[in-house]
N, C-alpha and C. Protein backbone atom coordinates (compact mmCIF):
# COMPACT_ATOMS: atom_id res chain seq x y z
N MET A 1 84.46 70.58 87.18
CA MET A 1 84.42 72.04 87.17
C MET A 1 85.84 72.58 86.93
N PRO A 2 86.02 73.43 85.93
CA PRO A 2 87.36 73.95 85.65
C PRO A 2 87.81 74.94 86.72
N SER A 3 89.10 74.92 86.98
CA SER A 3 89.62 75.87 87.96
C SER A 3 89.81 77.23 87.30
N VAL A 4 89.64 78.27 88.07
CA VAL A 4 89.80 79.65 87.59
C VAL A 4 91.03 80.24 88.24
N ARG A 5 91.91 80.76 87.43
CA ARG A 5 93.12 81.40 87.96
C ARG A 5 92.83 82.88 88.11
N PHE A 6 92.45 83.26 89.29
CA PHE A 6 92.01 84.64 89.54
C PHE A 6 93.11 85.67 89.28
N GLY A 7 94.35 85.28 89.42
CA GLY A 7 95.43 86.22 89.18
C GLY A 7 95.46 86.76 87.76
N TYR A 8 94.86 86.03 86.84
CA TYR A 8 94.85 86.45 85.45
C TYR A 8 93.48 86.93 84.99
N ALA A 9 92.48 86.76 85.83
CA ALA A 9 91.12 87.10 85.44
C ALA A 9 90.85 88.60 85.50
N VAL A 10 91.50 89.30 86.39
CA VAL A 10 91.22 90.72 86.59
C VAL A 10 92.50 91.51 86.42
N GLN A 11 92.43 92.53 85.61
CA GLN A 11 93.56 93.43 85.44
C GLN A 11 93.48 94.54 86.48
N PRO A 12 94.56 94.81 87.20
CA PRO A 12 94.51 95.88 88.19
C PRO A 12 94.35 97.24 87.50
N ALA A 13 93.69 98.14 88.18
CA ALA A 13 93.52 99.50 87.65
C ALA A 13 94.87 100.21 87.68
N ALA A 14 95.13 101.00 86.67
CA ALA A 14 96.36 101.78 86.63
C ALA A 14 96.29 102.90 87.66
N PRO A 15 97.37 103.15 88.39
CA PRO A 15 97.34 104.23 89.37
C PRO A 15 97.25 105.60 88.69
N ASP A 16 96.69 106.53 89.37
CA ASP A 16 96.62 107.91 88.87
C ASP A 16 97.92 108.60 89.24
N CYS A 17 98.93 108.43 88.40
CA CYS A 17 100.26 108.95 88.68
C CYS A 17 100.26 110.46 88.86
N GLU A 18 99.50 111.16 88.06
CA GLU A 18 99.46 112.62 88.15
C GLU A 18 99.05 113.07 89.55
N ALA A 19 98.04 112.44 90.11
CA ALA A 19 97.55 112.82 91.43
C ALA A 19 98.53 112.43 92.54
N ARG A 20 99.32 111.39 92.32
CA ARG A 20 100.23 110.90 93.37
C ARG A 20 101.64 111.47 93.26
N LEU A 21 101.95 112.16 92.21
CA LEU A 21 103.30 112.64 91.95
C LEU A 21 103.86 113.49 93.08
N ARG A 22 103.06 114.33 93.67
CA ARG A 22 103.56 115.20 94.75
C ARG A 22 103.96 114.40 95.98
N VAL A 23 103.42 113.20 96.11
CA VAL A 23 103.75 112.35 97.25
C VAL A 23 104.93 111.43 96.93
N CYS A 24 104.87 110.76 95.80
CA CYS A 24 105.89 109.77 95.47
C CYS A 24 107.18 110.38 94.91
N ARG A 25 107.07 111.56 94.31
CA ARG A 25 108.23 112.27 93.74
C ARG A 25 108.96 111.44 92.69
N ALA A 26 108.20 110.60 91.97
CA ALA A 26 108.72 109.79 90.86
C ALA A 26 109.82 108.83 91.29
N VAL A 27 109.66 108.26 92.46
CA VAL A 27 110.67 107.33 92.97
C VAL A 27 110.86 106.12 92.06
N CYS A 28 109.81 105.72 91.33
CA CYS A 28 109.94 104.57 90.43
C CYS A 28 110.94 104.85 89.30
N CYS A 29 111.20 106.10 89.02
CA CYS A 29 112.13 106.47 87.96
C CYS A 29 113.59 106.27 88.37
N TYR A 30 113.81 105.81 89.59
CA TYR A 30 115.15 105.50 90.08
C TYR A 30 115.39 104.00 90.16
N LEU A 31 114.38 103.20 89.81
CA LEU A 31 114.52 101.75 89.86
C LEU A 31 115.06 101.23 88.53
N PRO A 32 116.03 100.33 88.58
CA PRO A 32 116.53 99.75 87.32
C PRO A 32 115.57 98.68 86.83
N PHE A 33 115.37 98.62 85.53
CA PHE A 33 114.53 97.59 84.94
C PHE A 33 114.89 97.41 83.48
N PRO A 34 114.61 96.23 82.94
CA PRO A 34 114.92 95.99 81.53
C PRO A 34 113.87 96.59 80.62
N LEU A 35 114.29 96.92 79.42
CA LEU A 35 113.37 97.37 78.38
C LEU A 35 112.84 96.16 77.63
N SER A 36 111.64 96.25 77.13
CA SER A 36 111.07 95.16 76.34
C SER A 36 111.67 95.20 74.93
N ARG A 37 111.50 94.13 74.22
CA ARG A 37 111.97 94.09 72.83
C ARG A 37 111.27 95.18 72.03
N GLN A 38 109.98 95.40 72.27
CA GLN A 38 109.24 96.45 71.57
C GLN A 38 109.83 97.82 71.88
N ASP A 39 110.16 98.08 73.15
CA ASP A 39 110.79 99.35 73.52
C ASP A 39 112.07 99.56 72.72
N MET A 40 112.88 98.51 72.62
CA MET A 40 114.15 98.61 71.89
C MET A 40 113.90 98.82 70.39
N ASP A 41 112.94 98.09 69.84
CA ASP A 41 112.66 98.18 68.41
C ASP A 41 112.14 99.56 68.01
N GLU A 42 111.35 100.19 68.88
CA GLU A 42 110.80 101.51 68.57
C GLU A 42 111.88 102.58 68.51
N GLY A 43 112.98 102.39 69.23
CA GLY A 43 114.12 103.29 69.15
C GLY A 43 113.90 104.68 69.73
N GLU A 44 112.91 104.86 70.58
CA GLU A 44 112.61 106.17 71.16
C GLU A 44 113.32 106.41 72.48
N LEU A 45 113.79 105.36 73.12
CA LEU A 45 114.34 105.46 74.47
C LEU A 45 115.85 105.29 74.47
N ALA A 46 116.49 106.01 75.37
CA ALA A 46 117.93 105.87 75.54
C ALA A 46 118.20 104.64 76.40
N TRP A 47 119.09 103.79 75.93
CA TRP A 47 119.42 102.60 76.69
C TRP A 47 120.89 102.63 77.07
N SER A 48 121.24 101.84 78.04
CA SER A 48 122.59 101.83 78.58
C SER A 48 123.54 101.03 77.70
N ALA A 49 124.65 101.64 77.32
CA ALA A 49 125.64 100.93 76.51
C ALA A 49 126.31 99.83 77.32
N GLY A 50 126.47 100.05 78.61
CA GLY A 50 127.10 99.06 79.49
C GLY A 50 126.18 97.92 79.87
N TYR A 51 124.88 98.17 79.82
CA TYR A 51 123.88 97.16 80.17
C TYR A 51 122.79 97.15 79.11
N PRO A 52 123.04 96.51 77.98
CA PRO A 52 122.02 96.48 76.92
C PRO A 52 120.67 95.99 77.45
N PHE A 53 119.63 96.55 76.92
CA PHE A 53 118.25 96.27 77.30
C PHE A 53 117.86 96.90 78.64
N GLN A 54 118.72 97.76 79.18
CA GLN A 54 118.33 98.51 80.36
C GLN A 54 118.27 99.98 80.01
N LEU A 55 117.32 100.67 80.61
CA LEU A 55 117.15 102.09 80.38
C LEU A 55 118.39 102.83 80.87
N ALA A 56 118.83 103.82 80.12
CA ALA A 56 120.01 104.60 80.50
C ALA A 56 119.73 105.39 81.78
N ARG A 57 120.79 105.64 82.52
CA ARG A 57 120.70 106.35 83.80
C ARG A 57 121.50 107.64 83.73
N ALA A 58 120.98 108.65 84.41
CA ALA A 58 121.68 109.94 84.52
C ALA A 58 122.29 110.01 85.91
N GLU A 59 122.88 111.14 86.23
CA GLU A 59 123.46 111.31 87.55
C GLU A 59 122.41 111.07 88.63
N GLY A 60 122.85 110.50 89.72
CA GLY A 60 121.91 110.17 90.78
C GLY A 60 121.13 108.90 90.50
N ARG A 61 121.51 108.20 89.44
CA ARG A 61 120.90 106.92 89.03
C ARG A 61 119.44 107.04 88.60
N ARG A 62 119.01 108.25 88.25
CA ARG A 62 117.63 108.43 87.77
C ARG A 62 117.56 108.11 86.29
N CYS A 63 116.37 107.81 85.83
CA CYS A 63 116.13 107.58 84.41
C CYS A 63 116.52 108.84 83.63
N VAL A 64 117.18 108.69 82.51
CA VAL A 64 117.60 109.85 81.73
C VAL A 64 116.42 110.63 81.17
N HIS A 65 115.26 110.01 81.14
CA HIS A 65 114.07 110.67 80.59
C HIS A 65 113.25 111.40 81.65
N LEU A 66 113.72 111.39 82.89
CA LEU A 66 113.03 112.11 83.96
C LEU A 66 113.57 113.53 84.05
N ASP A 67 112.70 114.50 83.92
CA ASP A 67 113.09 115.90 84.12
C ASP A 67 113.26 116.08 85.63
N PRO A 68 114.48 116.31 86.12
CA PRO A 68 114.71 116.34 87.56
C PRO A 68 114.03 117.51 88.27
N ASP A 69 113.81 118.60 87.58
CA ASP A 69 113.17 119.75 88.22
C ASP A 69 111.65 119.59 88.29
N ALA A 70 111.05 119.21 87.20
CA ALA A 70 109.59 119.07 87.14
C ALA A 70 109.12 117.71 87.64
N ARG A 71 110.08 116.75 87.75
CA ARG A 71 109.73 115.37 88.13
C ARG A 71 108.68 114.81 87.17
N ARG A 72 108.92 115.02 85.89
CA ARG A 72 108.01 114.55 84.85
C ARG A 72 108.82 113.77 83.81
N CYS A 73 108.15 112.82 83.20
CA CYS A 73 108.76 112.03 82.14
C CYS A 73 108.79 112.85 80.85
N THR A 74 109.95 112.93 80.23
CA THR A 74 110.08 113.71 79.00
C THR A 74 109.69 112.90 77.76
N VAL A 75 109.46 111.61 77.92
CA VAL A 75 109.03 110.76 76.81
C VAL A 75 107.73 110.04 77.18
N TYR A 76 106.87 110.73 77.89
CA TYR A 76 105.67 110.11 78.46
C TYR A 76 104.85 109.34 77.42
N GLU A 77 104.64 109.92 76.26
CA GLU A 77 103.85 109.25 75.22
C GLU A 77 104.54 107.99 74.70
N ASN A 78 105.85 107.94 74.80
CA ASN A 78 106.62 106.78 74.32
C ASN A 78 107.35 106.08 75.46
N ARG A 79 106.86 106.26 76.68
CA ARG A 79 107.52 105.68 77.85
C ARG A 79 107.60 104.16 77.74
N PRO A 80 108.54 103.58 78.47
CA PRO A 80 108.70 102.11 78.41
C PRO A 80 107.44 101.37 78.84
N ARG A 81 107.33 100.19 78.35
CA ARG A 81 106.16 99.36 78.66
C ARG A 81 105.96 99.21 80.17
N ILE A 82 107.03 99.00 80.92
CA ILE A 82 106.92 98.80 82.36
C ILE A 82 106.40 100.05 83.07
N CYS A 83 106.59 101.21 82.50
CA CYS A 83 106.13 102.47 83.09
C CYS A 83 104.65 102.72 82.82
N ARG A 84 104.09 101.99 81.92
CA ARG A 84 102.68 102.19 81.59
C ARG A 84 101.83 101.54 82.62
C-alpha cells in the first residue's frame, strides 16, 4: 500500500484578508521575506537595493506598497507570490 503524504494532499483555504484587516492591521506587511524569481521578472514590485530579492521597505520597516493610512496594498493585483 503506497504511503500518502497528507501535507501535500490538501491545499489550505486562503484567509479572507478583507474581513480580518480591521483586526490584524496588515501586520504581515511588516515581515521581511524574499521575492520569487517570477516577482522579480515581472518588474512590478519595488525591491531593496541593499538586499536583492527582498521587497523594499519604507519608514517603520513596512512594505513600500502598503498604504499606511488605509492599510491596503497598493499593488494588490500584482502583489508578491508570498502575499497571495
